[in-house]
Protein backbone atom coordinates (compact mmCIF):
# COMPACT_ATOMS: atom_id res chain seq x y z
CA UNK A 1 -22.45 8.99 15.84
CA UNK A 2 -21.87 8.06 19.49
CA UNK A 3 -21.73 4.38 20.22
CA UNK A 4 -23.09 2.78 23.39
CA UNK A 5 -20.93 -0.28 22.88
CA UNK A 6 -18.98 -1.39 25.96
CA UNK A 7 -15.21 -1.26 25.94
CA UNK A 8 -13.56 -4.29 24.42
CA UNK A 9 -13.49 -7.13 26.98
CA UNK A 10 -10.18 -6.88 28.90
CA UNK A 11 -9.38 -10.54 28.25
CA UNK A 12 -9.04 -9.74 24.56
CA UNK A 13 -6.03 -7.51 25.16
CA UNK A 14 -4.00 -10.47 26.33
CA UNK A 15 -5.42 -12.70 23.64
CA UNK A 16 -4.66 -10.79 20.47
CA UNK A 17 -4.42 -12.81 17.27
CA UNK A 18 -1.05 -11.52 16.10
CA UNK A 19 -0.04 -14.46 13.92
CA UNK A 20 -0.64 -18.16 13.39
CA UNK A 21 1.68 -21.08 12.75
CA UNK A 22 -0.43 -24.18 12.33
CA UNK A 23 2.01 -26.86 11.22
CA UNK A 24 -0.84 -29.26 10.51
CA UNK A 25 -1.98 -26.93 7.68
CA UNK A 26 1.46 -26.58 6.11
CA UNK A 27 3.50 -23.46 5.42
CA UNK A 28 2.13 -20.04 6.38
CA UNK A 29 2.16 -17.13 3.95
CA UNK A 30 1.73 -13.93 5.97
CA UNK A 31 -0.06 -11.05 4.27
CA UNK A 32 -0.61 -7.66 5.85
CA UNK A 33 -3.66 -8.84 7.77
CA UNK A 34 -4.33 -12.44 6.75
CA UNK A 35 -2.32 -15.61 7.24
CA UNK A 36 -2.75 -17.90 4.24
CA UNK A 37 -2.39 -21.68 4.07
CA UNK A 38 -2.34 -23.28 0.62
CA UNK A 39 -4.10 -26.66 0.58
CA UNK A 40 -3.85 -27.18 -3.17
CA UNK A 41 -7.28 -26.43 -4.54
CA UNK A 42 -8.28 -24.52 -1.41
CA UNK A 43 -6.88 -21.72 0.73
CA UNK A 44 -7.35 -21.27 4.45
CA UNK A 45 -7.48 -17.52 5.12
CA UNK A 46 -7.12 -16.45 8.76
CA UNK A 47 -7.87 -12.80 9.50
CA UNK A 48 -5.55 -11.64 12.29
CA UNK A 49 -5.69 -8.52 14.45
CA UNK A 50 -2.72 -6.93 12.70
CA UNK A 51 -3.18 -3.25 11.83
CA UNK A 52 -0.93 -1.90 9.09
CA UNK A 53 0.00 1.60 8.01
CA UNK A 54 3.15 3.20 6.60
CA UNK A 55 3.80 -0.17 4.88
CA UNK A 56 4.31 -1.94 8.23
CA UNK A 57 2.41 -3.32 11.21
CA UNK A 58 1.84 -0.55 13.75
CA UNK A 59 -0.49 -2.25 16.24
CA UNK A 60 -2.76 -5.18 16.96
CA UNK A 61 -6.44 -4.34 17.43
CA UNK A 62 -8.62 -6.71 19.49
CA UNK A 63 -11.39 -8.34 17.42
CA UNK A 64 -10.37 -6.60 14.19
CA UNK A 65 -9.72 -9.89 12.40
CA UNK A 66 -13.10 -11.29 13.36
CA UNK A 67 -14.82 -8.08 12.24
CA UNK A 68 -13.15 -8.14 8.83
CA UNK A 69 -13.84 -11.84 8.27
CA UNK A 70 -17.48 -11.62 9.29
CA UNK A 71 -18.25 -8.39 7.43
CA UNK A 72 -16.87 -10.01 4.29
CA UNK A 73 -18.92 -13.14 4.96
CA UNK A 74 -22.05 -10.98 5.25
CA UNK A 75 -21.40 -9.26 1.92
CA UNK A 76 -20.31 -12.41 0.10
CA UNK A 77 -23.66 -13.93 1.03
CA UNK A 78 -25.61 -10.82 -0.02
CA UNK A 79 -23.97 -10.68 -3.46
CA UNK A 80 -23.62 -14.33 -4.45
CA UNK A 81 -26.47 -13.96 -6.96
CA UNK A 82 -24.41 -11.34 -8.83
CA UNK A 83 -21.14 -13.26 -9.08
CA UNK A 84 -19.81 -16.48 -7.54
CA UNK A 85 -17.32 -15.92 -4.72
CA UNK A 86 -14.47 -17.92 -3.27
CA UNK A 87 -16.12 -18.88 0.04
CA UNK A 88 -16.31 -22.63 0.63
CA UNK A 89 -16.72 -22.65 4.42
CA UNK A 90 -16.59 -20.42 7.51
CA UNK A 91 -15.35 -22.83 10.18
CA UNK A 92 -14.36 -20.11 12.66
CA UNK A 93 -15.16 -16.41 13.26
CA UNK A 94 -11.69 -15.50 11.98
CA UNK A 95 -11.43 -18.05 9.16
CA UNK A 96 -12.59 -18.41 5.58
CA UNK A 97 -11.85 -21.55 3.60
CA UNK A 98 -11.73 -20.36 0.02
CA UNK A 99 -11.64 -21.77 -3.47
CA UNK A 100 -8.19 -21.27 -4.99
CA UNK A 101 -8.36 -19.12 -8.12
CA UNK A 102 -6.02 -17.54 -10.61
CA UNK A 103 -5.66 -13.89 -9.61
CA UNK A 104 -6.75 -11.25 -12.12
CA UNK A 105 -4.11 -8.48 -11.76
CA UNK A 106 -6.67 -5.66 -11.78
CA UNK A 107 -7.96 -3.92 -8.66
CA UNK A 108 -11.56 -3.04 -9.48
CA UNK A 109 -12.07 0.35 -7.83
CA UNK A 110 -15.57 1.84 -7.90
CA UNK A 111 -16.25 5.41 -6.78
CA UNK A 112 -19.60 6.97 -6.00
CA UNK A 113 -18.46 10.37 -4.69
CA UNK A 114 -15.87 13.01 -5.57
CA UNK A 115 -13.56 12.63 -2.59
CA UNK A 116 -10.18 11.49 -1.28
CA UNK A 117 -6.80 13.03 -0.44
CA UNK A 118 -4.17 10.70 -1.92
CA UNK A 119 -2.47 11.21 -5.28
CA UNK A 120 -4.70 8.59 -6.90
CA UNK A 121 -7.91 9.93 -5.32
CA UNK A 122 -10.50 11.18 -7.78
CA UNK A 123 -10.80 14.55 -5.97
CA UNK A 124 -7.03 15.10 -6.20
CA UNK A 125 -6.96 14.29 -9.90
CA UNK A 126 -10.04 16.42 -10.56
CA UNK A 127 -8.31 19.34 -8.83
CA UNK A 128 -5.37 18.94 -11.21
CA UNK A 129 -7.62 19.31 -14.23
CA UNK A 130 -8.56 15.70 -15.00
CA UNK A 131 -12.25 15.62 -15.78
CA UNK A 132 -12.99 12.20 -17.32
CA UNK A 133 -12.88 9.08 -15.20
CA UNK A 134 -13.91 5.63 -16.37
CA UNK A 135 -15.53 7.15 -19.44
CA UNK A 136 -17.63 9.55 -17.34
CA UNK A 137 -17.05 13.28 -17.90
CA UNK A 138 -17.52 15.46 -14.82
CA UNK A 139 -18.77 19.02 -15.07
CA UNK A 140 -16.68 21.97 -13.93
CA UNK A 141 -17.18 23.38 -10.46
CA UNK A 142 -18.05 20.22 -8.57
CA UNK A 143 -17.43 20.33 -4.83
CA UNK A 144 -15.43 17.88 -2.75
CA UNK A 145 -17.58 14.99 -1.43
CA UNK A 146 -20.35 15.63 -3.98
CA UNK A 147 -22.14 12.60 -5.39
CA UNK A 148 -20.93 11.65 -8.86
CA UNK A 149 -23.47 11.60 -11.70
CA UNK A 150 -23.09 7.81 -11.69
CA UNK A 151 -20.73 5.32 -10.03
CA UNK A 152 -17.39 5.34 -11.81
CA UNK A 153 -15.25 2.27 -12.53
CA UNK A 154 -11.69 3.51 -11.93
CA UNK A 155 -9.43 0.43 -11.79
CA UNK A 156 -5.73 0.16 -11.05
CA UNK A 157 -3.22 -2.56 -11.78
CA UNK A 158 -2.10 -5.00 -9.11
CA UNK A 159 1.69 -5.15 -9.21
CA UNK A 160 4.50 -6.06 -6.83
CA UNK A 161 6.19 -2.65 -6.99
CA UNK A 162 3.18 -0.32 -6.99
CA UNK A 163 -0.30 -0.18 -8.43
CA UNK A 164 -0.93 2.11 -11.41
CA UNK A 165 -4.02 3.85 -12.70
CA UNK A 166 -4.19 2.96 -16.40
CA UNK A 167 -6.84 3.38 -19.04
CA UNK A 168 -8.67 0.22 -20.14
CA UNK A 169 -6.79 0.39 -23.41
CA UNK A 170 -3.44 0.50 -21.60
CA UNK A 171 -4.37 -2.41 -19.32
CA UNK A 172 -5.37 -4.50 -22.31
CA UNK A 173 -2.31 -3.48 -24.35
CA UNK A 174 0.06 -4.35 -21.48
CA UNK A 175 -1.56 -7.77 -21.07
CA UNK A 176 -3.09 -7.35 -17.63
CA UNK A 177 -6.49 -8.43 -18.92
CA UNK A 178 -8.33 -9.20 -22.14
CA UNK A 179 -10.95 -6.83 -23.48
CA UNK A 180 -13.68 -9.40 -22.81
CA UNK A 181 -12.59 -10.04 -19.22
CA UNK A 182 -12.22 -6.30 -18.54
CA UNK A 183 -15.81 -5.75 -19.65
CA UNK A 184 -16.99 -8.58 -17.37
CA UNK A 185 -15.08 -7.16 -14.40
CA UNK A 186 -16.46 -3.67 -14.95
CA UNK A 187 -20.03 -4.88 -15.30
CA UNK A 188 -19.74 -7.06 -12.21
CA UNK A 189 -18.02 -4.43 -10.06
CA UNK A 190 -20.68 -1.84 -10.82
CA UNK A 191 -23.44 -4.35 -9.99
CA UNK A 192 -21.74 -5.20 -6.68
CA UNK A 193 -21.43 -1.53 -5.83
CA UNK A 194 -25.11 -0.90 -6.59
CA UNK A 195 -26.06 -3.76 -4.23
CA UNK A 196 -23.70 -2.38 -1.60
CA UNK A 197 -25.17 1.12 -1.88
CA UNK A 198 -28.73 -0.17 -1.51
CA UNK A 199 -28.08 -2.36 1.54
CA UNK A 200 -25.84 0.21 3.24
CA UNK A 201 -28.57 2.84 2.86
CA UNK A 202 -30.99 0.62 4.79
CA UNK A 203 -28.59 0.77 7.74
CA UNK A 204 -28.07 4.52 7.56
CA UNK A 205 -24.82 4.43 5.62
CA UNK A 206 -23.45 5.69 2.32
CA UNK A 207 -21.06 3.35 0.53
CA UNK A 208 -18.69 5.98 -0.86
CA UNK A 209 -16.08 3.94 -2.70
CA UNK A 210 -14.55 0.50 -2.57
CA UNK A 211 -12.31 -1.99 -4.32
CA UNK A 212 -12.86 -5.56 -5.43
CA UNK A 213 -10.48 -8.34 -6.37
CA UNK A 214 -11.32 -11.12 -8.77
CA UNK A 215 -9.92 -14.43 -9.84
CA UNK A 216 -10.84 -17.00 -12.44
CA UNK A 217 -11.40 -20.70 -11.91
CA UNK A 218 -10.26 -23.54 -14.14
CA UNK A 219 -13.30 -23.00 -16.38
CA UNK A 220 -12.52 -19.30 -16.80
CA UNK A 221 -15.47 -18.18 -14.69
CA UNK A 222 -15.10 -14.90 -12.83
CA UNK A 223 -14.88 -15.33 -9.03
CA UNK A 224 -15.01 -12.61 -6.37
CA UNK A 225 -12.11 -13.12 -3.92
CA UNK A 226 -10.26 -11.50 -1.01
CA UNK A 227 -12.75 -9.27 0.87
CA UNK A 228 -15.80 -7.16 0.10
CA UNK A 229 -17.19 -3.93 1.56
CA UNK A 230 -15.13 -4.18 4.77
CA UNK A 231 -14.08 -1.14 6.82
CA UNK A 232 -10.56 -1.63 5.42
CA UNK A 233 -11.49 -1.90 1.74
CA UNK A 234 -14.34 0.60 1.63
CA UNK A 235 -15.25 4.11 2.71
CA UNK A 236 -18.57 4.66 4.49
CA UNK A 237 -20.31 7.90 5.55
CA UNK A 238 -23.32 8.43 7.80
CA UNK A 239 -26.34 9.06 5.59
CA UNK A 240 -28.42 11.15 8.03
CA UNK A 241 -25.95 14.03 8.27
CA UNK A 242 -24.49 13.95 4.75
CA UNK A 243 -26.63 16.62 3.01
CA UNK A 244 -26.44 19.05 5.93
CA UNK A 245 -22.68 18.76 6.27
CA UNK A 246 -22.13 19.02 2.51
CA UNK A 247 -24.21 22.21 2.37
CA UNK A 248 -22.18 23.65 5.26
CA UNK A 249 -18.87 22.81 3.60
CA UNK A 250 -18.04 20.28 6.31
CA UNK A 251 -16.53 16.84 5.91
CA UNK A 252 -19.05 13.97 6.04
CA UNK A 253 -19.47 12.02 9.25
CA UNK A 254 -17.43 8.87 8.94
CA UNK A 255 -15.80 6.08 10.93
CA UNK A 256 -12.48 7.67 11.83
CA UNK A 257 -9.60 5.20 11.96
CA UNK A 258 -6.90 7.80 11.27
CA UNK A 259 -6.31 8.84 14.87
CA UNK A 260 -3.94 5.92 15.57
CA UNK A 261 -2.01 6.53 12.36
CA UNK A 262 -1.69 10.22 13.24
CA UNK A 263 -0.41 9.36 16.72
CA UNK A 264 2.46 7.39 15.19
CA UNK A 265 3.21 10.16 12.73
CA UNK A 266 3.43 12.65 15.61
CA UNK A 267 5.58 10.47 17.89
CA UNK A 268 8.11 8.89 15.54
CA UNK A 269 9.19 8.55 11.92
CA UNK A 270 7.12 5.48 11.03
CA UNK A 271 8.76 5.13 7.61
CA UNK A 272 12.37 5.33 8.83
CA UNK A 273 12.53 4.24 12.48
CA UNK A 274 13.62 0.63 12.88
CA UNK A 275 11.48 0.15 16.01
CA UNK A 276 8.20 1.88 16.69
CA UNK A 277 6.83 2.90 20.08
CA UNK A 278 4.01 0.79 21.43
CA UNK A 279 0.56 2.08 20.53
CA UNK A 280 -1.22 3.65 23.54
CA UNK A 281 -3.64 1.16 25.10
CA UNK A 282 -6.53 3.63 25.19
CA UNK A 283 -6.21 4.33 21.46
CA UNK A 284 -6.03 0.61 20.67
CA UNK A 285 -9.16 -0.01 22.72
CA UNK A 286 -10.99 2.87 21.03
CA UNK A 287 -10.12 1.60 17.57
CA UNK A 288 -11.32 -1.87 18.55
CA UNK A 289 -14.61 -0.39 19.71
CA UNK A 290 -15.01 1.45 16.41
CA UNK A 291 -14.39 -1.69 14.35
CA UNK A 292 -17.11 -3.44 16.32
CA UNK A 293 -19.40 -0.45 15.85
CA UNK A 294 -18.75 -0.61 12.11
CA UNK A 295 -19.62 -4.30 12.05
CA UNK A 296 -22.93 -3.69 13.81
CA UNK A 297 -24.05 -0.82 11.60
CA UNK A 298 -22.90 -2.38 8.33
CA UNK A 299 -24.54 -5.76 8.99
CA UNK A 300 -27.38 -4.67 11.26
CA UNK A 301 -26.45 -7.54 13.60
CA UNK A 302 -25.10 -7.64 17.14
CA UNK A 303 -21.40 -8.47 17.33
CA UNK A 304 -20.80 -11.76 19.16
CA UNK A 305 -17.30 -12.06 20.60
CA UNK A 306 -15.55 -15.25 19.56
CA UNK A 307 -14.59 -17.69 22.29
CA UNK A 308 -11.19 -17.24 23.89
CA UNK A 309 -8.38 -18.21 23.94
CA UNK A 310 -8.37 -17.57 20.21
CA UNK A 311 -5.49 -19.69 18.87
CA UNK A 312 -6.62 -23.00 20.43
CA UNK A 313 -10.17 -22.30 19.25
CA UNK A 314 -9.04 -21.77 15.66
CA UNK A 315 -6.83 -24.86 15.82
CA UNK A 316 -9.78 -26.98 16.96
CA UNK A 317 -12.04 -25.60 14.26
CA UNK A 318 -9.49 -26.32 11.52
CA UNK A 319 -8.70 -29.95 12.37
CA UNK A 320 -10.90 -31.09 9.48
CA UNK A 321 -8.50 -29.35 7.09
CA UNK A 322 -5.37 -31.07 8.38
CA UNK A 323 -2.91 -31.39 5.49
């Protein structure tokens, strides 16, 4: 799909949101993309323009943080009748003020199609002879990128070292989750995915697979946290060309973000080199344009650039949360 979006406004290049350090909010905890401020019963989550790959930051992409924050806001609103979420306020295009919850150490992965290239991808495991996923048995001879007979709940653990794909029985036995909570998470994740599929289809997209994170509040209620159906947490394909490309043995049409990662792989050793080369400006601008394109097709709304300079704007909008 060819976008008619203009190039990212030049001013944004000099005004990237690389990091924040708002002393008036307290200590910053820096995640891969979000800066987190703990206000006791609330968290201030600031989505930056950091772009990570190879377990490190490789570039900063103009407007990426705003896209991620606002796509999540869109989906949190569209699914709040299914499960409560952590959103308390959206005081800035890059900021979510969230209810603080106890993290459930299960990443709720839902898959709608037989695809992927990583070791944990369902297509990779199917190719190695695994045929039952999330209690759903797949027939022999399925093709890559084919729609699954039903969405599959295929969770992993959330651990400091590395996430693992375990059976429900193993997760329960190892104490990651109770049987009752696991059932609630599975039921909720599948309902969220069904809503995502339906709304994405209206905008010409296929929601292929995604992951959800949950927490519990002080009453033990399940709360949807982190992000939902963003370009970073979910895979989308273009619906109009899917059947034709599948029949021709071609890969589906998708939002390609790999080109920047591949550039680094071809120009350095991104896992071993202490310092990385600077990402080419034209590739950074193109990736920014694609994030904005994703926002517009996913939400069906025109992207409105946040006011610049960004850091003073965010600081002004967060004064009400001064610690």
